[in-house]
Amino acid sequence: MTQTRSSRLIAAACALTAVVAGSGCSAFDTPEARPCAWLDRGSDGAHNTGRQTIVLVDRSPSAQPDRTTRLGGRVPDWTTTLLAARELAPAAWEGGTLSAAGFDGTRVTVSWEVDRAFVAPVKGNDTLKKDRRSGRRGCLEQRLRQLAAEAPSTGRTDVLGALAAADDQLGSQGGRRRIVVATDGLTNTGCADLRSAGFDGTAEIKATVERCREAGELPDLTGTEVNLVGIGHAARGKAPSSPQTAWLITFWTSLCDATGASSCDVTATARVRPAGKNTLAGKLEPEVTFPAVAEQQSGRNTTIILPGSVLFASDRAELSRSAQSALDDAARRITDLHPVSVAVSGHTDSRGSEQRGRQLSLARAQAVRAALAERGITVASAHGYSDDRPSCTPEYHDGIPDYAAMACNRRVEIAVTVRG
């Protein structure tokens, strides 16, 4: 008898809440209430205002810890990153449909965990609206965490393919269209493959955009607002320097602009979390690597090679903030060698005029010389060689530029001579 009365009271409260708040009975978290069931109900179109929001979560291997990731190390938290975006504030998707999916290396593996769920406008007073929106946010958080934890179906990353799948999901319907993507941006397949990128300069970005256009891999996102967050934040491998991250942002902004999107907001903003146990069961992914500091030895001479993209922004000679760490390491290494003499030389690729190449390479060498002097290292000389002494050749294959070779040639070398 008592149980029957209790059930009736709960049912009555549910009905009252639904009338006042315009939202089902999410306050009573019971199996019958199913507060997140709205995420599983697709829109029938009867109440759709034309506002569509799509959320994409990068579940590729590079976004998840593996055996090389230290337990407790920091890895991207896509769910928290997405929920912090103003485009996914609960009020932003009311009155329209919401779709959410994980993606990895191909357009056809994008699976819509949330498929055009209609989000009814919240009614009632401010307190009821706040509670209801908080509940909806909790439901979306739970679903996004499920998507982020899914095992990748391929060992690749294809951001353009994910955007193309989102375009299919949006269909031809007008209204406000928004795509929000959490990804490290390290695509390694298709026309935008970054495995041979130099991460320095705009020429290779322009060439990639043109290549993707000719290959038909650019989706038509005309009239769509596109947001990419987390660029450069992978769960493994060496993180990009600030200039390299800036290049990545420009890269994805340029590709997004080429789709005809009404707006393209691309950022490196990402929340992180401690890495858990590796659950990828050995699944590998072709790695996108960033140019890093190297060292070569020959007799009494040790040459420390600093890639241009680690130290400088494209076509600039001012040291970036991220260059300081590399220069600190170089100074410590030089001190450990107990040098007799130190010389610095700047090098560029073959593009541009010879005069500009010599000016830029010399200015970069002088900037590194000054930075080393601040760290107590005396540099005997600084020279700019432009493209006279390439480290990687050729820079062109049948007239097609090899951007990895060009990036290899854009460098500053520190030649350290020691006692015999």
Protein backbone atom coordinates (compact mmCIF):
# COMPACT_ATOMS: atom_id res chain seq x y z
CA MET A 1 0.00 0.00 0.00
CA THR A 2 2.78 2.40 1.00
CA GLN A 3 4.73 1.55 -2.15
CA THR A 4 1.67 2.21 -4.35
CA ARG A 5 1.08 5.58 -2.70
CA SER A 6 4.76 6.49 -3.15
CA SER A 7 4.63 5.58 -6.86
CA ARG A 8 1.53 7.72 -7.32
CA LEU A 9 3.16 10.69 -5.61
CA ILE A 10 6.24 10.42 -7.84
CA ALA A 11 4.07 10.15 -10.95
CA ALA A 12 2.08 13.20 -9.91
CA ALA A 13 5.27 15.15 -9.25
CA CYS A 14 6.59 14.16 -12.66
CA ALA A 15 3.46 15.33 -14.37
CA LEU A 16 3.55 18.64 -12.49
CA THR A 17 7.23 19.17 -13.36
CA ALA A 18 6.53 18.46 -17.02
CA VAL A 19 3.73 21.00 -17.11
CA VAL A 20 5.66 23.72 -15.30
CA ALA A 21 9.14 23.17 -16.79
CA GLY A 22 8.29 21.75 -20.22
CA SER A 23 10.86 19.02 -19.64
CA GLY A 24 10.19 15.42 -18.45
CA CYS A 25 10.90 14.19 -14.98
CA SER A 26 14.65 14.29 -14.81
CA ALA A 27 14.56 15.16 -11.13
CA PHE A 28 13.71 11.53 -10.27
CA ASP A 29 16.65 9.44 -11.40
CA THR A 30 14.88 6.09 -11.61
CA PRO A 31 14.91 3.51 -14.40
CA GLU A 32 11.41 4.65 -15.36
CA ALA A 33 12.38 8.31 -15.57
CA ARG A 34 15.40 7.81 -17.92
CA PRO A 35 16.50 11.46 -17.75
CA CYS A 36 18.82 11.15 -20.77
CA ALA A 37 16.38 9.35 -23.06
CA TRP A 38 15.94 12.52 -25.12
CA LEU A 39 19.39 11.91 -26.61
CA ASP A 40 18.12 8.71 -28.21
CA ARG A 41 15.02 10.21 -29.79
CA GLY A 42 15.52 11.56 -33.29
CA SER A 43 13.58 14.58 -34.46
CA ASP A 44 10.45 13.95 -36.53
CA GLY A 45 10.80 17.42 -38.01
CA ALA A 46 7.54 18.65 -36.54
CA HIS A 47 9.22 21.04 -34.08
CA ASN A 48 12.56 21.57 -35.79
CA THR A 49 13.40 25.25 -36.21
CA GLY A 50 16.27 24.58 -38.61
CA ARG A 51 19.00 24.96 -35.98
CA GLN A 52 21.42 22.02 -36.14
CA THR A 53 24.44 21.35 -33.93
CA ILE A 54 26.94 18.57 -34.63
CA VAL A 55 29.66 17.44 -32.20
CA LEU A 56 32.60 15.33 -33.39
CA VAL A 57 35.11 13.64 -31.06
CA ASP A 58 38.52 12.45 -32.26
CA ARG A 59 38.86 8.83 -31.10
CA SER A 60 41.90 8.03 -33.27
CA PRO A 61 44.94 6.33 -31.69
CA SER A 62 46.95 9.57 -31.50
CA ALA A 63 44.30 11.06 -29.21
CA GLN A 64 44.44 8.14 -26.76
CA PRO A 65 47.26 6.93 -24.48
CA ASP A 66 49.33 3.94 -25.57
CA ARG A 67 52.25 1.97 -24.19
CA THR A 68 54.57 4.97 -24.67
CA THR A 69 52.36 7.25 -22.58
CA ARG A 70 53.42 7.49 -18.95
CA LEU A 71 50.66 6.44 -16.54
CA GLY A 72 49.33 9.65 -15.01
CA GLY A 73 50.80 11.77 -17.81
CA ARG A 74 48.65 14.53 -19.26
CA VAL A 75 46.48 13.67 -22.25
CA PRO A 76 43.67 15.66 -23.92
CA ASP A 77 40.25 15.54 -22.27
CA TRP A 78 37.97 16.06 -25.25
CA THR A 79 34.75 15.98 -23.23
CA THR A 80 35.73 18.77 -20.86
CA THR A 81 37.23 20.72 -23.76
CA LEU A 82 33.99 20.54 -25.74
CA LEU A 83 31.73 21.39 -22.81
CA ALA A 84 33.84 24.48 -22.09
CA ALA A 85 33.17 25.83 -25.60
CA ARG A 86 30.53 28.54 -25.68
CA GLU A 87 29.06 26.91 -28.79
CA LEU A 88 28.00 23.96 -26.63
CA ALA A 89 26.42 25.87 -23.77
CA PRO A 90 23.03 24.14 -23.18
CA ALA A 91 21.05 27.17 -24.29
CA ALA A 92 22.91 27.17 -27.62
CA TRP A 93 21.29 23.94 -28.86
CA GLU A 94 17.72 24.52 -27.61
CA GLY A 95 15.02 24.63 -30.23
CA GLY A 96 17.04 22.57 -32.72
CA THR A 97 18.65 19.18 -33.23
CA LEU A 98 21.84 17.76 -31.75
CA SER A 99 24.02 15.05 -33.29
CA ALA A 100 27.23 13.57 -31.87
CA ALA A 101 29.74 11.03 -33.18
CA GLY A 102 33.26 9.74 -32.78
CA PHE A 103 35.62 9.63 -35.76
CA ASP A 104 39.00 8.28 -36.77
CA GLY A 105 40.44 7.50 -40.18
CA THR A 106 37.62 7.41 -42.68
CA ARG A 107 34.35 9.09 -43.41
CA VAL A 108 32.36 5.85 -43.42
CA THR A 109 33.32 4.89 -39.85
CA VAL A 110 31.72 8.00 -38.32
CA SER A 111 28.99 6.57 -36.08
CA TRP A 112 26.18 8.82 -34.89
CA GLU A 113 25.71 8.00 -31.22
CA VAL A 114 23.29 10.93 -31.05
CA ASP A 115 21.27 11.22 -34.25
CA ARG A 116 19.38 14.52 -34.70
CA ALA A 117 17.91 14.56 -31.19
CA PHE A 118 15.44 17.41 -30.85
CA VAL A 119 16.17 19.69 -27.88
CA ALA A 120 12.97 21.36 -26.73
CA PRO A 121 13.23 24.91 -25.38
CA VAL A 122 13.26 25.02 -21.59
CA LYS A 123 10.28 26.70 -19.93
CA GLY A 124 9.63 27.86 -16.40
CA ASN A 125 11.38 30.18 -13.97
CA ASP A 126 15.11 30.78 -13.85
CA THR A 127 15.72 28.07 -11.25
CA LEU A 128 13.90 25.42 -13.26
CA LYS A 129 15.71 26.45 -16.44
CA LYS A 130 19.06 26.23 -14.71
CA ASP A 131 18.30 22.78 -13.29
CA ARG A 132 17.02 21.44 -16.59
CA ARG A 133 19.98 22.77 -18.56
CA SER A 134 22.36 21.35 -15.99
CA GLY A 135 20.70 17.97 -16.41
CA ARG A 136 21.01 18.15 -20.18
CA ARG A 137 24.66 19.09 -19.88
CA GLY A 138 25.24 16.07 -17.66
CA CYS A 139 23.56 13.81 -20.19
CA LEU A 140 25.72 15.15 -23.03
CA GLU A 141 28.86 14.84 -20.90
CA GLN A 142 28.12 11.19 -20.24
CA ARG A 143 27.56 10.50 -23.93
CA LEU A 144 30.69 12.38 -25.04
CA ARG A 145 32.83 10.44 -22.58
CA GLN A 146 31.51 7.23 -24.10
CA LEU A 147 32.45 8.47 -27.57
CA ALA A 148 35.94 9.56 -26.49
CA ALA A 149 36.58 6.15 -24.88
CA GLU A 150 35.53 4.13 -27.94
CA ALA A 151 38.23 2.05 -29.57
CA PRO A 152 39.21 3.44 -32.99
CA SER A 153 38.03 1.39 -35.94
CA THR A 154 41.10 2.29 -38.02
CA GLY A 155 44.70 3.25 -37.31
CA ARG A 156 44.36 6.63 -39.01
CA THR A 157 43.06 10.17 -38.51
CA ASP A 158 40.98 11.95 -41.17
CA VAL A 159 39.55 15.27 -39.99
CA LEU A 160 38.32 16.25 -43.46
CA GLY A 161 36.50 12.92 -43.70
CA ALA A 162 34.77 13.66 -40.39
CA LEU A 163 33.70 17.09 -41.64
CA ALA A 164 32.35 15.46 -44.81
CA ALA A 165 30.30 13.04 -42.69
CA ALA A 166 28.98 16.01 -40.72
CA ASP A 167 27.97 17.67 -43.99
CA ASP A 168 26.00 14.54 -44.90
CA GLN A 169 24.32 14.63 -41.48
CA LEU A 170 23.34 18.28 -41.90
CA GLY A 171 21.69 17.58 -45.23
CA SER A 172 20.27 20.32 -47.42
CA GLN A 173 18.10 21.94 -44.77
CA GLY A 174 18.78 25.62 -44.15
CA GLY A 175 18.84 27.45 -40.84
CA ARG A 176 21.72 27.83 -38.43
CA ARG A 177 24.25 25.01 -38.89
CA ARG A 178 27.14 24.46 -36.50
CA ILE A 179 29.92 21.83 -36.31
CA VAL A 180 32.15 21.59 -33.23
CA VAL A 181 35.15 19.24 -33.45
CA ALA A 182 37.61 18.18 -30.74
CA THR A 183 40.80 16.92 -32.42
CA ASP A 184 44.57 17.11 -32.33
CA GLY A 185 44.40 17.90 -36.06
CA LEU A 186 47.17 15.43 -36.91
CA THR A 187 45.55 13.97 -39.98
CA ASN A 188 47.65 11.25 -41.64
CA THR A 189 45.62 10.16 -44.61
CA GLY A 190 44.14 11.66 -47.77
CA CYS A 191 44.98 15.02 -49.32
CA ALA A 192 45.75 16.67 -45.96
CA ASP A 193 48.29 14.07 -44.80
CA LEU A 194 50.72 15.85 -42.47
CA ARG A 195 53.40 13.19 -42.18
CA SER A 196 55.75 15.02 -44.56
CA ALA A 197 54.83 18.56 -43.50
CA GLY A 198 57.51 21.06 -42.60
CA PHE A 199 55.24 23.02 -40.23
CA ASP A 200 56.79 26.26 -41.41
CA GLY A 201 55.70 28.59 -44.17
CA THR A 202 52.46 29.20 -46.01
CA ALA A 203 53.40 27.76 -49.41
CA GLU A 204 52.76 24.17 -48.39
CA ILE A 205 49.43 25.18 -46.82
CA LYS A 206 48.30 26.75 -50.08
CA ALA A 207 49.47 23.68 -51.99
CA THR A 208 47.54 21.37 -49.65
CA VAL A 209 44.34 23.37 -50.05
CA GLU A 210 44.67 23.20 -53.82
CA ARG A 211 45.45 19.47 -53.71
CA CYS A 212 42.36 18.80 -51.58
CA ARG A 213 40.21 20.86 -53.90
CA GLU A 214 41.43 18.97 -56.95
CA ALA A 215 40.95 15.62 -55.16
CA GLY A 216 37.35 16.51 -54.29
CA GLU A 217 38.00 15.94 -50.57
CA LEU A 218 36.81 19.36 -49.41
CA PRO A 219 33.21 19.11 -48.13
CA ASP A 220 30.78 21.88 -49.04
CA LEU A 221 30.11 23.59 -45.71
CA THR A 222 28.62 26.76 -47.15
CA GLY A 223 26.73 28.66 -44.46
CA THR A 224 28.03 26.43 -41.64
CA GLU A 225 29.82 27.64 -38.51
CA VAL A 226 32.86 25.43 -37.88
CA ASN A 227 34.81 25.23 -34.62
CA LEU A 228 37.93 23.07 -34.17
CA VAL A 229 39.39 22.86 -30.66
CA GLY A 230 42.42 21.07 -29.26
CA ILE A 231 44.70 21.43 -32.31
CA GLY A 232 48.17 20.05 -31.60
CA HIS A 233 47.21 18.26 -28.36
CA ALA A 234 48.02 14.61 -29.00
CA ALA A 235 48.21 11.92 -26.32
CA ARG A 236 51.60 10.70 -27.51
CA GLY A 237 54.77 11.89 -29.14
CA LYS A 238 56.60 15.19 -28.78
CA ALA A 239 54.37 18.26 -28.58
CA PRO A 240 54.72 20.92 -31.28
CA SER A 241 56.49 24.18 -30.52
CA SER A 242 54.52 27.45 -30.49
CA PRO A 243 55.43 28.32 -34.11
CA GLN A 244 54.50 24.78 -35.20
CA THR A 245 51.16 25.04 -33.38
CA ALA A 246 50.52 28.41 -35.01
CA TRP A 247 51.24 26.78 -38.39
CA LEU A 248 48.77 23.97 -37.62
CA ILE A 249 46.07 26.50 -36.73
CA THR A 250 46.68 28.38 -39.99
CA PHE A 251 46.63 25.06 -41.86
CA TRP A 252 43.18 24.07 -40.55
CA THR A 253 41.80 27.58 -40.82
CA SER A 254 42.81 27.66 -44.50
CA LEU A 255 41.22 24.27 -45.21
CA CYS A 256 38.08 25.29 -43.34
CA ASP A 257 37.83 28.57 -45.28
CA ALA A 258 38.15 26.57 -48.50
CA THR A 259 34.99 24.60 -47.61
CA GLY A 260 32.91 27.78 -47.80
CA ALA A 261 32.07 27.75 -44.08
CA SER A 262 30.47 30.96 -42.85
CA SER A 263 32.98 31.10 -39.97
CA CYS A 264 36.06 29.11 -38.98
CA ASP A 265 37.25 29.24 -35.38
CA VAL A 266 40.34 27.04 -34.93
CA THR A 267 42.18 26.99 -31.59
CA ALA A 268 44.73 24.97 -29.65
CA THR A 269 42.62 25.28 -26.50
CA ALA A 270 42.28 21.94 -24.73
CA ARG A 271 41.66 20.64 -21.23
CA VAL A 272 43.80 17.72 -20.11
CA ARG A 273 43.48 14.76 -17.76
CA PRO A 274 45.81 12.16 -16.26
CA ALA A 275 46.43 9.27 -18.65
CA GLY A 276 44.84 6.00 -17.70
CA LYS A 277 45.79 2.49 -18.68
CA ASN A 278 46.44 1.79 -22.34
CA THR A 279 43.35 0.17 -23.85
CA LEU A 280 44.30 0.24 -27.54
CA ALA A 281 45.57 -3.35 -27.57
CA GLY A 282 48.53 -2.57 -29.78
CA LYS A 283 46.67 -0.59 -32.47
CA LEU A 284 49.22 1.59 -34.23
CA GLU A 285 48.88 4.77 -36.24
CA PRO A 286 51.31 6.36 -38.72
CA GLU A 287 52.88 9.12 -36.64
CA VAL A 288 52.92 12.79 -37.53
CA THR A 289 56.22 14.05 -36.14
CA PHE A 290 57.43 17.59 -35.61
CA PRO A 291 60.95 18.72 -36.56
CA ALA A 292 63.13 18.49 -33.44
CA VAL A 293 66.61 19.41 -32.26
CA ALA A 294 69.32 17.03 -33.50
CA GLU A 295 73.05 16.56 -32.98
CA GLN A 296 75.84 15.37 -35.27
CA GLN A 297 79.43 14.54 -34.32
CA SER A 298 82.56 14.38 -36.45
CA GLY A 299 85.96 14.22 -34.79
CA ARG A 300 86.43 17.29 -32.60
CA ASN A 301 83.28 18.95 -33.95
CA THR A 302 79.74 18.63 -32.63
CA THR A 303 76.94 20.34 -34.55
CA ILE A 304 73.65 21.09 -32.80
CA ILE A 305 70.87 21.51 -35.37
CA LEU A 306 67.85 23.63 -34.46
CA PRO A 307 64.92 23.45 -36.94
CA GLY A 308 63.59 26.80 -38.06
CA SER A 309 60.05 25.85 -37.05
CA VAL A 310 61.21 25.28 -33.45
CA LEU A 311 62.71 28.76 -33.19
CA PHE A 312 60.89 31.13 -35.51
CA ALA A 313 57.55 31.90 -37.09
CA SER A 314 57.43 31.73 -40.87
CA ASP A 315 59.72 34.26 -42.59
CA ARG A 316 60.59 35.88 -39.25
CA ALA A 317 63.84 36.27 -37.31
CA GLU A 318 62.39 36.99 -33.86
CA LEU A 319 62.77 34.04 -31.50
CA SER A 320 59.47 32.60 -30.30
CA ARG A 321 58.69 31.93 -26.66
CA SER A 322 58.88 28.21 -27.25
CA ALA A 323 62.41 28.64 -28.63
CA GLN A 324 63.70 29.43 -25.16
CA SER A 325 63.49 25.83 -23.97
CA ALA A 326 65.40 24.55 -27.01
CA LEU A 327 68.04 27.23 -26.52
CA ASP A 328 68.33 26.39 -22.83
CA ASP A 329 69.00 22.76 -23.76
CA ALA A 330 71.50 23.80 -26.43
CA ALA A 331 73.38 26.04 -23.97
CA ARG A 332 73.61 23.22 -21.42
CA ARG A 333 74.90 20.85 -24.06
CA ILE A 334 77.53 23.35 -25.23
CA THR A 335 78.71 23.89 -21.63
CA ASP A 336 79.00 20.13 -21.10
CA LEU A 337 81.24 19.89 -24.16
CA HIS A 338 83.79 22.45 -22.77
CA PRO A 339 84.20 24.09 -26.18
CA VAL A 340 87.25 25.75 -27.65
CA SER A 341 85.05 27.73 -30.05
CA VAL A 342 81.40 28.10 -31.01
CA ALA A 343 80.01 29.32 -34.35
CA VAL A 344 76.42 29.82 -35.46
CA SER A 345 75.11 29.61 -39.03
CA GLY A 346 71.63 30.24 -40.45
CA HIS A 347 70.18 28.41 -43.46
CA THR A 348 67.00 28.75 -45.55
CA ASP A 349 65.40 26.79 -48.37
CA SER A 350 65.66 27.77 -52.04
CA ARG A 351 62.41 29.71 -52.30
CA GLY A 352 62.49 33.48 -52.48
CA SER A 353 65.27 35.74 -53.69
CA GLU A 354 68.91 35.12 -52.87
CA GLN A 355 69.11 38.50 -51.14
CA ARG A 356 66.13 37.77 -48.92
CA GLY A 357 67.50 34.32 -48.09
CA ARG A 358 70.84 35.76 -46.98
CA GLN A 359 69.21 38.52 -44.94
CA LEU A 360 66.87 36.11 -43.17
CA SER A 361 69.44 33.40 -42.50
CA LEU A 362 71.93 35.94 -41.09
CA ALA A 363 69.30 37.62 -38.92
CA ARG A 364 68.29 34.24 -37.49
CA ALA A 365 71.91 33.30 -36.79
CA GLN A 366 72.46 36.60 -35.02
CA ALA A 367 69.30 36.10 -32.94
CA VAL A 368 70.54 32.70 -31.76
CA ARG A 369 74.01 34.13 -31.10
CA ALA A 370 72.51 36.83 -28.87
CA ALA A 371 70.34 34.28 -27.05
CA LEU A 372 73.36 32.06 -26.34
CA ALA A 373 75.33 35.08 -25.08
CA GLU A 374 72.54 35.71 -22.57
CA ARG A 375 73.11 32.14 -21.37
CA GLY A 376 76.83 32.66 -20.89
CA ILE A 377 77.99 31.13 -24.19
CA THR A 378 80.53 33.10 -26.23
CA VAL A 379 79.92 32.70 -29.97
CA ALA A 380 82.90 33.55 -32.17
CA SER A 381 80.95 34.11 -35.39
CA ALA A 382 77.49 34.16 -36.96
CA HIS A 383 76.93 33.62 -40.70
CA GLY A 384 73.93 33.47 -43.01
CA TYR A 385 74.24 30.99 -45.88
CA SER A 386 70.75 31.13 -47.37
CA ASP A 387 70.33 27.91 -49.41
CA ASP A 388 74.03 27.49 -50.28
CA ARG A 389 74.51 24.53 -47.92
CA PRO A 390 71.38 22.37 -48.07
CA SER A 391 71.10 19.51 -45.63
CA CYS A 392 68.34 17.67 -47.53
CA THR A 393 68.12 17.39 -51.31
CA PRO A 394 66.42 17.61 -53.66
CA GLU A 395 63.78 20.17 -52.73
CA TYR A 396 61.78 19.42 -55.89
CA HIS A 397 60.79 16.18 -57.57
CA ASP A 398 59.66 16.65 -61.18
CA GLY A 399 58.76 20.22 -60.35
CA ILE A 400 56.78 19.27 -57.24
CA PRO A 401 58.10 20.78 -53.97
CA ASP A 402 59.24 18.41 -51.23
CA TYR A 403 58.18 20.37 -48.15
CA ALA A 404 59.87 17.98 -45.74
CA ALA A 405 63.22 18.61 -47.47
CA MET A 406 62.58 22.34 -47.43
CA ALA A 407 61.80 22.22 -43.69
CA CYS A 408 65.01 20.24 -43.14
CA ASN A 409 66.99 23.01 -44.86
CA ARG A 410 65.40 25.82 -42.80
CA ARG A 411 67.63 25.54 -39.75
CA VAL A 412 70.21 27.12 -37.48
CA GLU A 413 73.39 25.15 -36.79
CA ILE A 414 75.62 25.62 -33.75
CA ALA A 415 79.11 24.28 -34.50
CA VAL A 416 81.03 23.41 -31.33
CA THR A 417 84.74 22.59 -31.50
CA VAL A 418 86.39 20.84 -28.56
CA ARG A 419 90.01 20.11 -27.63
CA GLY A 420 91.59 17.16 -29.31
